[in-house]
Amino acid sequence: MTADRRGGPGVPLLRLEGISKRFGAVRALDRVDLDIAEGQVTALVGDNGAGKSSLIKTVAGLWAPDAGRIRWQGEPVTLRNPKDAEQLGITTIYQDLALCDNLDIVQNMFLGHELRRHGILDESSMEIAARGTLRELAVTTVRSIRQPVASLSGGQRQSVAVAKAVMAKARLVIMDEPTAALGVSQTEQVLGLIRRLADQGVAVLMVSHNLNDVFRVADRLAVLYLGRMAVDGPAADFDLQSVVEYMTAGTRSGPGPS
């Protein structure tokens, strides 16, 4: 499956139509619709058990939906496994980041995609490319691109994971709780990184429990409630109280997006 540039103005990069997923008697997702646009941060929020993990794992190719359709640039696609998603340009950064602590930054960024010249690793070219990508993302806090990932802070590790996605030419980056367990300065670093990704035209789907972070960086907001999409729309149309009501009751008492 190869990525292309089909679609046109107004066609979302990713469209989910009626996505449903069951696990025995549990309906994890119930006819979920969602559009993800290029160059925007879409925040996906919901209480525990709302279906957030099920949704991102479906988009990542880990789980096939039981019903519904996934469209990429307007064309229906079948994501049989994570490789299919990666070939389209979908990268998922989970909370554990899937980085190797015993390897350095360059080795992590190129893991599985190492550059070779005359049959041997082209360390110089990989260093230049890694340094350029980090500079492009304004990641300036790492001491050396050859320092082990184990020595990095939480914010720096997130930066490396995002840079790895950019290096792989991801067009949609899914981030699962990117600011969880981070301090104030590290959170600022990661939120700035997310905003720069979107400003470069990358679509970002951010799953978060931290509504303060959501409102600071999101262009659009989608709320899941018991497996169904309670509401989605421009982040500017919501406030903290309305989001909490949608998360806890699936609706709100006063006026708001519908």
Protein backbone atom coordinates (compact mmCIF):
# COMPACT_ATOMS: atom_id res chain seq x y z
CA MET A 1 0.00 0.00 0.00
CA THR A 2 1.57 3.28 -1.04
CA ALA A 3 0.81 6.84 -0.04
CA ASP A 4 -0.27 9.31 -2.72
CA ARG A 5 -1.78 12.77 -2.92
CA ARG A 6 -5.32 12.01 -4.05
CA GLY A 7 -8.29 13.92 -2.79
CA GLY A 8 -8.84 17.63 -3.14
CA PRO A 9 -9.78 20.77 -1.25
CA GLY A 10 -12.07 19.93 1.65
CA VAL A 11 -11.22 16.22 1.60
CA PRO A 12 -9.82 15.20 5.01
CA LEU A 13 -6.60 13.26 5.17
CA LEU A 14 -8.32 10.58 7.26
CA ARG A 15 -12.05 9.94 7.53
CA LEU A 16 -13.64 7.38 9.83
CA GLU A 17 -17.19 6.41 8.86
CA GLY A 18 -19.34 4.39 11.25
CA ILE A 19 -16.43 2.58 12.90
CA SER A 20 -17.60 -0.11 15.33
CA LYS A 21 -15.60 -2.60 17.38
CA ARG A 22 -16.75 -5.25 19.84
CA PHE A 23 -14.87 -7.42 22.30
CA GLY A 24 -17.33 -10.12 23.29
CA ALA A 25 -20.30 -8.38 24.91
CA VAL A 26 -18.42 -5.08 25.18
CA ARG A 27 -19.00 -2.53 22.42
CA ALA A 28 -15.76 -0.56 22.48
CA LEU A 29 -16.69 1.64 19.51
CA ASP A 30 -20.20 2.34 18.29
CA ARG A 31 -20.54 3.86 14.78
CA VAL A 32 -17.82 6.46 15.28
CA ASP A 33 -17.39 9.18 12.64
CA LEU A 34 -14.33 11.45 12.66
CA ASP A 35 -12.40 13.57 10.17
CA ILE A 36 -8.70 14.35 10.62
CA ALA A 37 -7.30 17.22 8.55
CA GLU A 38 -3.73 17.94 7.53
CA GLY A 39 -2.02 20.76 9.38
CA GLN A 40 -4.34 20.56 12.38
CA VAL A 41 -4.15 19.16 15.89
CA THR A 42 -7.24 17.10 16.70
CA ALA A 43 -7.57 16.28 20.39
CA LEU A 44 -9.39 13.05 21.27
CA VAL A 45 -10.67 13.05 24.84
CA GLY A 46 -12.95 10.91 26.95
CA ASP A 47 -13.19 9.24 30.33
CA ASN A 48 -11.54 5.90 31.04
CA GLY A 49 -13.25 3.21 28.96
CA ALA A 50 -14.64 5.71 26.47
CA GLY A 51 -12.94 3.97 23.54
CA LYS A 52 -9.92 6.20 22.89
CA SER A 53 -7.40 3.35 22.85
CA SER A 54 -9.65 1.22 20.68
CA LEU A 55 -9.96 4.04 18.17
CA ILE A 56 -6.27 4.81 17.84
CA LYS A 57 -5.37 1.12 17.65
CA THR A 58 -7.89 0.74 14.83
CA VAL A 59 -6.33 3.66 12.93
CA ALA A 60 -2.86 2.27 13.65
CA GLY A 61 -3.79 -1.04 12.04
CA LEU A 62 -3.61 -3.11 15.22
CA TRP A 63 -7.32 -3.97 15.27
CA ALA A 64 -9.65 -4.30 12.30
CA PRO A 65 -13.05 -2.65 12.79
CA ASP A 66 -16.08 -4.91 12.86
CA ALA A 67 -18.06 -2.38 10.82
CA GLY A 68 -17.52 0.95 9.13
CA ARG A 69 -15.05 2.36 6.65
CA ILE A 70 -11.69 4.09 6.80
CA ARG A 71 -10.88 6.59 4.04
CA TRP A 72 -7.44 8.02 3.33
CA GLN A 73 -7.55 11.13 1.14
CA GLY A 74 -11.06 10.16 0.15
CA GLU A 75 -10.17 6.62 -0.92
CA PRO A 76 -11.32 3.56 1.11
CA VAL A 77 -8.43 1.64 2.65
CA THR A 78 -8.05 -1.56 4.64
CA LEU A 79 -5.48 -1.49 7.44
CA ARG A 80 -4.64 -5.14 8.03
CA ASN A 81 -1.64 -4.43 10.25
CA PRO A 82 0.58 -1.56 11.46
CA LYS A 83 2.74 -1.87 8.34
CA ASP A 84 -0.22 -0.88 6.16
CA ALA A 85 -0.75 2.20 8.32
CA GLU A 86 2.93 3.11 8.21
CA GLN A 87 3.03 2.83 4.43
CA LEU A 88 0.23 5.37 4.19
CA GLY A 89 2.12 7.72 6.49
CA ILE A 90 0.43 7.00 9.84
CA THR A 91 2.77 6.88 12.84
CA THR A 92 1.57 6.16 16.37
CA ILE A 93 3.61 7.28 19.36
CA TYR A 94 2.39 5.38 22.42
CA GLN A 95 3.11 6.34 26.02
CA ASP A 96 6.06 3.97 26.23
CA LEU A 97 7.49 5.67 23.08
CA ALA A 98 9.03 2.38 21.83
CA LEU A 99 12.56 3.79 22.08
CA CYS A 100 15.61 1.67 22.86
CA ASP A 101 17.37 3.01 25.96
CA ASN A 102 20.65 1.30 25.08
CA LEU A 103 20.89 3.10 21.73
CA ASP A 104 21.72 6.74 21.08
CA ILE A 105 19.47 9.35 19.46
CA VAL A 106 20.69 8.76 15.90
CA GLN A 107 20.39 4.99 16.22
CA ASN A 108 16.83 5.32 17.54
CA MET A 109 15.77 7.73 14.81
CA PHE A 110 17.02 5.36 12.09
CA LEU A 111 16.21 2.06 13.77
CA GLY A 112 15.00 -0.31 11.06
CA HIS A 113 15.74 2.26 8.34
CA GLU A 114 19.51 2.61 8.61
CA LEU A 115 21.38 4.31 5.79
CA ARG A 116 24.16 2.26 4.20
CA ARG A 117 26.93 3.03 1.80
CA HIS A 118 28.89 0.28 0.11
CA GLY A 119 27.29 -2.21 2.47
CA ILE A 120 28.27 -0.48 5.72
CA LEU A 121 26.36 1.94 7.93
CA ASP A 122 26.61 5.53 6.72
CA GLU A 123 27.01 7.09 10.15
CA SER A 124 27.88 10.54 8.80
CA SER A 125 24.76 10.86 6.65
CA MET A 126 22.54 9.61 9.47
CA GLU A 127 24.03 12.14 11.88
CA ILE A 128 23.50 14.99 9.41
CA ALA A 129 19.89 13.96 8.74
CA ALA A 130 19.10 13.47 12.45
CA ARG A 131 20.63 16.81 13.39
CA GLY A 132 18.73 18.55 10.59
CA THR A 133 15.39 17.04 11.63
CA LEU A 134 15.87 18.04 15.27
CA ARG A 135 16.82 21.56 14.18
CA GLU A 136 13.75 21.74 11.93
CA LEU A 137 11.58 20.85 14.93
CA ALA A 138 13.43 23.40 17.11
CA VAL A 139 14.63 20.68 19.48
CA THR A 140 17.58 22.40 21.14
CA THR A 141 17.79 20.82 24.58
CA VAL A 142 19.71 17.64 23.74
CA ARG A 143 23.39 17.81 24.57
CA SER A 144 24.51 15.50 21.77
CA ILE A 145 22.73 13.45 19.13
CA ARG A 146 25.01 10.60 20.18
CA GLN A 147 23.92 10.52 23.81
CA PRO A 148 22.02 7.40 24.91
CA VAL A 149 18.24 7.75 24.99
CA ALA A 150 18.35 6.40 28.56
CA SER A 151 19.99 9.68 29.62
CA LEU A 152 17.21 11.89 28.21
CA SER A 153 14.37 13.58 30.08
CA GLY A 154 10.75 12.69 29.33
CA GLY A 155 10.33 15.74 27.10
CA GLN A 156 13.51 14.98 25.20
CA ARG A 157 12.40 11.40 24.66
CA GLN A 158 9.10 12.61 23.22
CA SER A 159 11.09 14.91 20.94
CA VAL A 160 13.15 12.00 19.65
CA ALA A 161 10.01 9.91 19.04
CA VAL A 162 8.42 12.77 17.08
CA ALA A 163 11.63 13.40 15.13
CA LYS A 164 11.70 9.72 14.23
CA ALA A 165 8.15 10.04 12.85
CA VAL A 166 9.14 13.12 10.83
CA MET A 167 12.17 11.26 9.51
CA ALA A 168 9.80 8.52 8.31
CA LYS A 169 7.76 11.24 6.49
CA ALA A 170 4.66 10.65 8.58
CA ARG A 171 1.57 12.54 7.43
CA LEU A 172 -0.53 11.66 10.46
CA VAL A 173 1.08 11.38 13.89
CA ILE A 174 -1.04 9.87 16.66
CA MET A 175 0.22 10.79 20.13
CA ASP A 176 -1.07 8.88 23.16
CA GLU A 177 -0.90 11.02 26.33
CA PRO A 178 2.21 12.90 25.15
CA THR A 179 2.49 15.09 28.27
CA ALA A 180 1.72 12.42 30.89
CA ALA A 181 4.15 12.50 33.83
CA LEU A 182 6.08 15.47 32.42
CA GLY A 183 7.12 18.54 34.40
CA VAL A 184 6.12 22.07 33.47
CA SER A 185 9.13 22.87 31.25
CA GLN A 186 9.02 19.47 29.54
CA THR A 187 5.29 19.86 28.88
CA GLU A 188 5.96 23.25 27.28
CA GLN A 189 8.59 21.64 25.09
CA VAL A 190 6.27 18.86 23.90
CA LEU A 191 3.27 21.13 23.29
CA GLY A 192 5.49 23.42 21.22
CA LEU A 193 6.66 20.41 19.26
CA ILE A 194 3.07 19.31 18.56
CA ARG A 195 2.17 22.79 17.33
CA ARG A 196 5.23 22.91 15.04
CA LEU A 197 4.29 19.54 13.56
CA ALA A 198 0.86 20.87 12.60
CA ASP A 199 2.33 24.12 11.30
CA GLN A 200 4.46 22.03 8.93
CA GLY A 201 1.30 20.45 7.50
CA VAL A 202 1.32 17.20 9.48
CA ALA A 203 -2.00 15.98 10.90
CA VAL A 204 -1.80 15.30 14.64
CA LEU A 205 -4.29 13.21 16.62
CA MET A 206 -3.57 13.83 20.29
CA VAL A 207 -5.12 11.63 22.97
CA SER A 208 -5.00 13.30 26.36
CA HIS A 209 -6.63 13.47 29.78
CA ASN A 210 -5.09 16.89 30.40
CA LEU A 211 -7.72 19.35 29.19
CA ASN A 212 -5.50 22.35 29.90
CA ASP A 213 -2.96 20.99 27.43
CA VAL A 214 -5.73 20.18 24.97
CA PHE A 215 -7.07 23.72 24.92
CA ARG A 216 -3.59 25.16 24.52
CA VAL A 217 -2.70 23.25 21.37
CA ALA A 218 -5.78 21.74 19.70
CA ASP A 219 -7.51 23.11 16.60
CA ARG A 220 -10.37 20.60 16.86
CA LEU A 221 -11.73 18.56 19.71
CA ALA A 222 -13.54 15.20 19.68
CA VAL A 223 -15.15 13.65 22.76
CA LEU A 224 -15.84 9.92 23.04
CA TYR A 225 -18.45 8.68 25.50
CA LEU A 226 -19.03 4.96 26.07
CA GLY A 227 -17.71 4.09 22.64
CA ARG A 228 -19.62 6.66 20.62
CA MET A 229 -18.68 10.10 19.39
CA ALA A 230 -20.50 12.49 21.70
CA VAL A 231 -19.39 15.63 19.86
CA ASP A 232 -16.59 17.03 17.71
CA GLY A 233 -15.88 20.48 16.37
CA PRO A 234 -13.51 23.46 16.51
CA ALA A 235 -11.79 23.72 19.89
CA ALA A 236 -12.83 27.37 20.08
CA ASP A 237 -16.47 26.23 20.33
CA PHE A 238 -15.84 24.48 23.66
CA ASP A 239 -14.90 25.45 27.17
CA LEU A 240 -13.65 23.30 30.04
CA GLN A 241 -17.11 22.81 31.55
CA SER A 242 -18.73 21.74 28.30
CA VAL A 243 -16.00 19.17 27.60
CA VAL A 244 -16.31 17.70 31.09
CA GLU A 245 -20.09 17.40 30.63
CA TYR A 246 -19.68 15.60 27.30
CA MET A 247 -17.05 13.30 28.82
CA THR A 248 -19.14 12.36 31.86
CA ALA A 249 -22.69 12.41 30.44
CA GLY A 250 -22.35 12.25 26.67
CA THR A 251 -24.23 15.55 26.32
CA ARG A 252 -24.39 18.96 27.95
CA SER A 253 -27.11 20.88 29.72
CA GLY A 254 -26.57 24.24 28.04
CA PRO A 255 -25.94 25.38 24.46
CA GLY A 256 -22.88 24.05 22.68
CA PRO A 257 -21.64 22.11 19.64
CA SER A 258 -23.84 19.23 18.60
